[in-house]
């Protein structure tokens, strides 16, 4: 059963999900991040019109925050012919908005987590908003 674009009856929220192929590729990138960057946890959230995959940064007694978030959003403007667009965030700062899943996936794969001393790497400072 394919749940992409799943819609409930009137009055209910329209749920938008990553496709199985997209989720498989995102989890592959996340697995690389676990091995190479020390990522330890993730979350998948589904809201009306968007789905979000987040790499979670646990900050001890201060709680947890999303280190990186990759979102798939339903496009409101049908001019481009694409039904979806993708965004990548570092913490709360958008670093990319694109209609290409492969483009957002490539940047998600390339991002670096903080170094062990807590300093931001050069790639973390990269802002690529389109």
N, C-alpha and C. Protein backbone atom coordinates (compact mmCIF):
# COMPACT_ATOMS: atom_id res chain seq x y z
N UNK A 1 0.84 -1.18 0.00
CA UNK A 1 0.00 0.00 0.00
C UNK A 1 0.88 1.24 0.00
N UNK A 2 0.62 2.18 -0.88
CA UNK A 2 1.40 3.41 -0.99
C UNK A 2 0.71 4.51 -0.20
N UNK A 3 1.40 5.05 0.81
CA UNK A 3 0.79 6.06 1.67
C UNK A 3 1.13 7.48 1.25
N UNK A 4 1.94 7.66 0.20
CA UNK A 4 2.30 9.02 -0.21
C UNK A 4 1.04 9.76 -0.64
N UNK A 5 0.86 10.97 -0.12
CA UNK A 5 -0.30 11.77 -0.47
C UNK A 5 -1.58 11.27 0.17
N UNK A 6 -1.48 10.47 1.21
CA UNK A 6 -2.64 9.90 1.89
C UNK A 6 -3.55 11.02 2.42
N UNK A 7 -4.84 10.94 2.13
CA UNK A 7 -5.79 11.96 2.57
C UNK A 7 -6.92 11.30 3.35
N UNK A 8 -7.29 11.90 4.45
CA UNK A 8 -8.42 11.39 5.23
C UNK A 8 -9.71 12.08 4.78
N UNK A 9 -10.81 11.68 5.37
CA UNK A 9 -12.12 12.23 5.02
C UNK A 9 -12.17 13.73 5.32
N UNK A 10 -13.24 14.39 4.89
CA UNK A 10 -13.41 15.83 5.09
C UNK A 10 -13.15 16.23 6.53
N UNK A 11 -12.53 17.40 6.69
CA UNK A 11 -12.28 17.93 8.03
C UNK A 11 -10.99 17.42 8.66
N UNK A 12 -10.37 16.41 8.08
CA UNK A 12 -9.13 15.87 8.63
C UNK A 12 -7.94 16.49 7.90
N UNK A 13 -6.77 16.38 8.50
CA UNK A 13 -5.57 16.93 7.90
C UNK A 13 -5.12 16.12 6.68
N UNK A 14 -4.54 16.81 5.73
CA UNK A 14 -3.93 16.15 4.57
C UNK A 14 -2.50 15.78 4.97
N UNK A 15 -2.18 14.50 4.95
CA UNK A 15 -0.87 14.03 5.39
C UNK A 15 0.03 13.84 4.18
N UNK A 16 1.24 14.36 4.27
CA UNK A 16 2.22 14.28 3.20
C UNK A 16 3.43 13.54 3.72
N UNK A 17 3.85 12.49 3.04
CA UNK A 17 4.95 11.66 3.52
C UNK A 17 6.09 11.60 2.52
N UNK A 18 7.31 11.31 3.03
CA UNK A 18 8.41 10.98 2.14
C UNK A 18 8.05 9.68 1.43
N UNK A 19 8.43 9.55 0.18
CA UNK A 19 8.21 8.28 -0.52
C UNK A 19 9.16 7.25 0.08
N UNK A 20 8.88 5.95 -0.09
CA UNK A 20 9.79 4.93 0.43
C UNK A 20 11.21 5.09 -0.11
N UNK A 21 11.34 5.45 -1.38
CA UNK A 21 12.67 5.65 -1.97
C UNK A 21 13.39 6.83 -1.32
N UNK A 22 12.68 7.94 -1.13
CA UNK A 22 13.28 9.11 -0.48
C UNK A 22 13.72 8.78 0.94
N UNK A 23 12.86 8.11 1.69
CA UNK A 23 13.19 7.78 3.07
C UNK A 23 14.38 6.83 3.14
N UNK A 24 14.45 5.89 2.23
CA UNK A 24 15.59 4.96 2.19
C UNK A 24 16.90 5.73 1.95
N UNK A 25 16.88 6.70 1.04
CA UNK A 25 18.08 7.49 0.75
C UNK A 25 18.45 8.41 1.91
N UNK A 26 17.45 8.99 2.56
CA UNK A 26 17.71 9.84 3.73
C UNK A 26 18.33 9.02 4.85
N UNK A 27 17.77 7.83 5.10
CA UNK A 27 18.32 6.97 6.16
C UNK A 27 19.73 6.49 5.82
N UNK A 28 20.03 6.31 4.56
CA UNK A 28 21.39 5.95 4.15
C UNK A 28 22.36 7.09 4.49
N UNK A 29 21.96 8.33 4.20
CA UNK A 29 22.79 9.50 4.56
C UNK A 29 22.93 9.60 6.08
N UNK A 30 21.83 9.36 6.79
CA UNK A 30 21.88 9.41 8.25
C UNK A 30 22.85 8.36 8.79
N UNK A 31 22.83 7.16 8.22
CA UNK A 31 23.74 6.09 8.65
C UNK A 31 25.20 6.51 8.47
N UNK A 32 25.49 7.19 7.36
CA UNK A 32 26.84 7.72 7.15
C UNK A 32 27.19 8.74 8.23
N UNK A 33 26.20 9.58 8.59
CA UNK A 33 26.41 10.58 9.64
C UNK A 33 26.67 9.95 10.99
N UNK A 34 26.03 8.82 11.26
CA UNK A 34 26.27 8.09 12.52
C UNK A 34 27.73 7.64 12.57
N UNK A 35 28.21 7.08 11.47
CA UNK A 35 29.58 6.56 11.42
C UNK A 35 30.63 7.66 11.36
N UNK A 36 30.40 8.70 10.56
CA UNK A 36 31.44 9.70 10.31
C UNK A 36 31.33 10.96 11.17
N UNK A 37 30.13 11.29 11.62
CA UNK A 37 29.92 12.57 12.29
C UNK A 37 29.41 12.43 13.72
N UNK A 38 29.18 11.19 14.16
CA UNK A 38 28.75 10.97 15.53
C UNK A 38 27.29 11.26 15.80
N UNK A 39 26.45 11.30 14.75
CA UNK A 39 25.03 11.51 14.98
C UNK A 39 24.48 10.34 15.77
N UNK A 40 23.53 10.61 16.67
CA UNK A 40 23.05 9.55 17.55
C UNK A 40 21.55 9.31 17.52
N UNK A 41 20.77 10.26 17.02
CA UNK A 41 19.32 10.11 17.09
C UNK A 41 18.68 10.89 15.95
N UNK A 42 17.48 10.46 15.55
CA UNK A 42 16.73 11.17 14.53
C UNK A 42 15.25 11.12 14.87
N UNK A 43 14.49 11.97 14.19
CA UNK A 43 13.03 12.00 14.35
C UNK A 43 12.41 12.24 12.98
N UNK A 44 11.23 11.67 12.77
CA UNK A 44 10.45 11.93 11.56
C UNK A 44 9.11 12.49 12.02
N UNK A 45 8.79 13.68 11.54
CA UNK A 45 7.53 14.34 11.89
C UNK A 45 6.72 14.56 10.63
N UNK A 46 5.42 14.43 10.76
CA UNK A 46 4.52 14.69 9.64
C UNK A 46 3.50 15.72 10.09
N UNK A 47 3.46 16.82 9.38
CA UNK A 47 2.52 17.89 9.65
C UNK A 47 1.65 18.08 8.41
N UNK A 48 0.67 18.93 8.50
CA UNK A 48 -0.17 19.20 7.34
C UNK A 48 0.69 19.82 6.24
N UNK A 49 0.80 19.13 5.12
CA UNK A 49 1.53 19.68 3.98
C UNK A 49 3.03 19.49 4.00
N UNK A 50 3.58 18.86 5.04
CA UNK A 50 5.03 18.63 5.03
C UNK A 50 5.43 17.44 5.89
N UNK A 51 6.57 16.89 5.54
CA UNK A 51 7.18 15.80 6.29
C UNK A 51 8.60 16.24 6.61
N UNK A 52 9.09 15.95 7.82
CA UNK A 52 10.39 16.45 8.26
C UNK A 52 11.22 15.31 8.85
N UNK A 53 12.46 15.19 8.39
CA UNK A 53 13.44 14.27 8.97
C UNK A 53 14.47 15.13 9.67
N UNK A 54 14.68 14.90 10.98
CA UNK A 54 15.61 15.71 11.76
C UNK A 54 16.67 14.86 12.42
N UNK A 55 17.90 15.35 12.40
CA UNK A 55 19.00 14.77 13.18
C UNK A 55 18.97 15.49 14.52
N UNK A 56 18.84 14.73 15.60
CA UNK A 56 18.65 15.31 16.93
C UNK A 56 19.99 15.45 17.65
N UNK A 57 20.17 16.61 18.28
CA UNK A 57 21.35 16.90 19.11
C UNK A 57 20.88 16.94 20.56
N UNK A 58 21.32 15.97 21.35
CA UNK A 58 20.97 15.94 22.77
C UNK A 58 21.95 16.81 23.54
N UNK A 59 21.45 17.78 24.28
CA UNK A 59 22.30 18.73 24.97
C UNK A 59 22.24 18.57 26.48
N UNK A 60 22.30 17.34 26.93
CA UNK A 60 22.29 17.08 28.37
C UNK A 60 21.05 17.61 29.05
N UNK A 61 21.21 18.37 30.11
CA UNK A 61 20.09 18.91 30.87
C UNK A 61 19.32 19.99 30.15
N UNK A 62 19.84 20.47 29.02
CA UNK A 62 19.18 21.54 28.28
C UNK A 62 18.14 21.01 27.29
N UNK A 63 17.97 19.70 27.22
CA UNK A 63 16.99 19.12 26.30
C UNK A 63 17.59 18.74 24.97
N UNK A 64 16.75 18.60 23.97
CA UNK A 64 17.18 18.17 22.64
C UNK A 64 16.70 19.16 21.59
N UNK A 65 17.52 19.35 20.58
CA UNK A 65 17.15 20.23 19.47
C UNK A 65 17.50 19.55 18.15
N UNK A 66 16.87 19.99 17.09
CA UNK A 66 17.19 19.47 15.76
C UNK A 66 18.47 20.12 15.28
N UNK A 67 19.48 19.30 15.00
CA UNK A 67 20.74 19.81 14.46
C UNK A 67 20.55 20.13 12.98
N UNK A 68 20.08 19.15 12.21
CA UNK A 68 19.75 19.32 10.80
C UNK A 68 18.34 18.81 10.58
N UNK A 69 17.59 19.50 9.73
CA UNK A 69 16.25 19.06 9.36
C UNK A 69 16.10 19.14 7.84
N UNK A 70 15.58 18.07 7.26
CA UNK A 70 15.30 18.01 5.84
C UNK A 70 13.79 17.88 5.71
N UNK A 71 13.15 18.81 5.01
CA UNK A 71 11.69 18.75 4.91
C UNK A 71 11.24 18.64 3.45
N UNK A 72 10.14 17.92 3.28
CA UNK A 72 9.45 17.81 1.99
C UNK A 72 8.15 18.56 2.17
N UNK A 73 7.90 19.54 1.32
CA UNK A 73 6.74 20.41 1.46
C UNK A 73 5.88 20.37 0.22
N UNK A 74 4.59 20.44 0.42
CA UNK A 74 3.67 20.50 -0.71
C UNK A 74 3.73 21.91 -1.28
N UNK A 75 3.93 22.00 -2.59
CA UNK A 75 4.03 23.30 -3.25
C UNK A 75 2.65 23.92 -3.40
N UNK A 76 2.54 25.20 -3.05
CA UNK A 76 1.28 25.92 -3.19
C UNK A 76 1.11 26.41 -4.63
N UNK A 77 2.22 26.79 -5.25
CA UNK A 77 2.18 27.30 -6.63
C UNK A 77 2.42 26.16 -7.61
N UNK A 78 1.51 25.96 -8.50
CA UNK A 78 1.63 24.88 -9.47
C UNK A 78 2.31 25.35 -10.76
N UNK A 79 2.82 26.60 -10.77
CA UNK A 79 3.45 27.16 -11.97
C UNK A 79 4.64 26.34 -12.44
N UNK A 80 5.43 25.85 -11.51
CA UNK A 80 6.65 25.14 -11.86
C UNK A 80 6.38 23.73 -12.36
N UNK A 81 5.20 23.22 -12.09
CA UNK A 81 4.89 21.85 -12.48
C UNK A 81 5.29 20.82 -11.44
N UNK A 82 6.00 21.24 -10.41
CA UNK A 82 6.39 20.33 -9.34
C UNK A 82 5.40 20.42 -8.19
N UNK A 83 5.04 19.26 -7.65
CA UNK A 83 4.10 19.24 -6.54
C UNK A 83 4.78 19.48 -5.20
N UNK A 84 6.12 19.30 -5.14
CA UNK A 84 6.84 19.38 -3.88
C UNK A 84 8.08 20.26 -3.99
N UNK A 85 8.52 20.78 -2.84
CA UNK A 85 9.85 21.38 -2.76
C UNK A 85 10.47 20.91 -1.46
N UNK A 86 11.77 21.00 -1.38
CA UNK A 86 12.53 20.47 -0.25
C UNK A 86 13.33 21.60 0.38
N UNK A 87 13.50 21.51 1.71
CA UNK A 87 14.31 22.50 2.42
C UNK A 87 15.25 21.78 3.37
N UNK A 88 16.42 22.37 3.58
CA UNK A 88 17.38 21.86 4.55
C UNK A 88 17.69 22.97 5.52
N UNK A 89 17.63 22.64 6.81
CA UNK A 89 17.90 23.60 7.87
C UNK A 89 19.09 23.14 8.71
N UNK A 90 19.90 24.09 9.17
CA UNK A 90 20.89 23.86 10.22
C UNK A 90 20.34 24.60 11.42
N UNK A 91 20.05 23.85 12.48
CA UNK A 91 19.33 24.40 13.64
C UNK A 91 18.05 25.03 13.12
N UNK A 92 17.89 26.34 13.22
CA UNK A 92 16.66 26.98 12.74
C UNK A 92 16.89 27.81 11.48
N UNK A 93 18.09 27.72 10.91
CA UNK A 93 18.43 28.52 9.74
C UNK A 93 18.30 27.68 8.47
N UNK A 94 17.49 28.17 7.53
CA UNK A 94 17.34 27.47 6.26
C UNK A 94 18.61 27.66 5.44
N UNK A 95 19.21 26.56 4.98
CA UNK A 95 20.42 26.66 4.16
C UNK A 95 20.17 26.29 2.70
N UNK A 96 19.03 25.68 2.41
CA UNK A 96 18.71 25.36 1.02
C UNK A 96 17.22 25.19 0.85
N UNK A 97 16.71 25.69 -0.29
CA UNK A 97 15.33 25.44 -0.72
C UNK A 97 15.42 25.09 -2.19
N UNK A 98 14.89 23.94 -2.57
CA UNK A 98 15.00 23.47 -3.94
C UNK A 98 13.84 22.55 -4.29
N UNK A 99 13.59 22.39 -5.58
CA UNK A 99 12.58 21.43 -6.03
C UNK A 99 13.21 20.07 -6.31
N UNK A 100 14.53 19.97 -6.17
CA UNK A 100 15.26 18.74 -6.47
C UNK A 100 15.59 17.96 -5.20
N UNK A 101 15.02 16.77 -5.08
CA UNK A 101 15.34 15.92 -3.94
C UNK A 101 16.82 15.55 -3.94
N UNK A 102 17.38 15.26 -5.10
CA UNK A 102 18.79 14.87 -5.18
C UNK A 102 19.72 16.00 -4.75
N UNK A 103 19.34 17.24 -5.03
CA UNK A 103 20.15 18.39 -4.61
C UNK A 103 20.15 18.55 -3.09
N UNK A 104 18.98 18.45 -2.48
CA UNK A 104 18.92 18.59 -1.02
C UNK A 104 19.60 17.41 -0.34
N UNK A 105 19.48 16.23 -0.93
CA UNK A 105 20.13 15.04 -0.38
C UNK A 105 21.65 15.17 -0.44
N UNK A 106 22.17 15.71 -1.55
CA UNK A 106 23.63 15.88 -1.70
C UNK A 106 24.17 16.84 -0.64
N UNK A 107 23.46 17.94 -0.37
CA UNK A 107 23.93 18.87 0.66
C UNK A 107 23.79 18.27 2.05
N UNK A 108 22.71 17.52 2.29
CA UNK A 108 22.53 16.84 3.58
C UNK A 108 23.68 15.86 3.82
N UNK A 109 24.10 15.18 2.78
CA UNK A 109 25.21 14.23 2.90
C UNK A 109 26.52 14.97 3.17
N UNK A 110 26.67 16.18 2.62
CA UNK A 110 27.94 16.92 2.72
C UNK A 110 28.11 17.70 4.01
N UNK A 111 27.04 17.97 4.74
CA UNK A 111 27.16 18.81 5.93
C UNK A 111 28.01 18.14 7.00
N UNK A 112 28.67 18.96 7.80
CA UNK A 112 29.49 18.47 8.90
C UNK A 112 28.86 18.85 10.22
N UNK A 113 28.95 17.96 11.17
CA UNK A 113 28.53 18.28 12.53
C UNK A 113 29.64 19.12 13.17
N UNK A 114 29.37 19.66 14.35
CA UNK A 114 30.39 20.42 15.07
C UNK A 114 31.58 19.52 15.36
N UNK A 115 32.75 20.13 15.39
CA UNK A 115 33.93 19.34 15.75
C UNK A 115 33.90 19.06 17.25
N UNK A 116 34.72 18.13 17.74
CA UNK A 116 34.68 17.74 19.15
C UNK A 116 34.90 18.90 20.12
N UNK A 117 35.53 19.99 19.68
CA UNK A 117 35.76 21.13 20.56
C UNK A 117 34.57 22.08 20.59
N UNK A 118 33.53 21.76 19.83
CA UNK A 118 32.32 22.58 19.84
C UNK A 118 32.34 23.74 18.87
N UNK A 119 33.36 23.82 18.02
CA UNK A 119 33.45 24.91 17.05
C UNK A 119 32.77 24.50 15.76
N UNK A 120 32.19 25.47 15.08
CA UNK A 120 31.55 25.19 13.81
C UNK A 120 32.60 24.99 12.73
N UNK A 121 32.36 24.03 11.86
CA UNK A 121 33.26 23.84 10.72
C UNK A 121 32.92 24.87 9.65
N UNK A 122 33.78 24.99 8.65
CA UNK A 122 33.54 25.92 7.55
C UNK A 122 32.25 25.58 6.80
N UNK A 123 31.97 24.30 6.59
CA UNK A 123 30.77 23.91 5.85
C UNK A 123 29.50 24.27 6.60
N UNK A 124 29.54 24.30 7.95
CA UNK A 124 28.36 24.67 8.72
C UNK A 124 27.98 26.12 8.49
N UNK A 125 28.94 26.95 8.10
CA UNK A 125 28.67 28.37 7.89
C UNK A 125 28.09 28.65 6.51
N UNK A 126 28.09 27.65 5.65
CA UNK A 126 27.62 27.81 4.28
C UNK A 126 26.11 28.03 4.26
N UNK A 127 25.68 29.12 3.66
CA UNK A 127 24.26 29.42 3.49
C UNK A 127 23.98 29.42 1.99
N UNK A 128 23.04 28.58 1.55
CA UNK A 128 22.79 28.39 0.12
C UNK A 128 21.31 28.57 -0.19
N UNK A 129 20.66 29.57 0.33
CA UNK A 129 19.22 29.75 0.13
C UNK A 129 18.96 30.16 -1.31
N UNK A 130 18.01 29.48 -1.95
CA UNK A 130 17.63 29.82 -3.34
C UNK A 130 16.29 30.49 -3.34
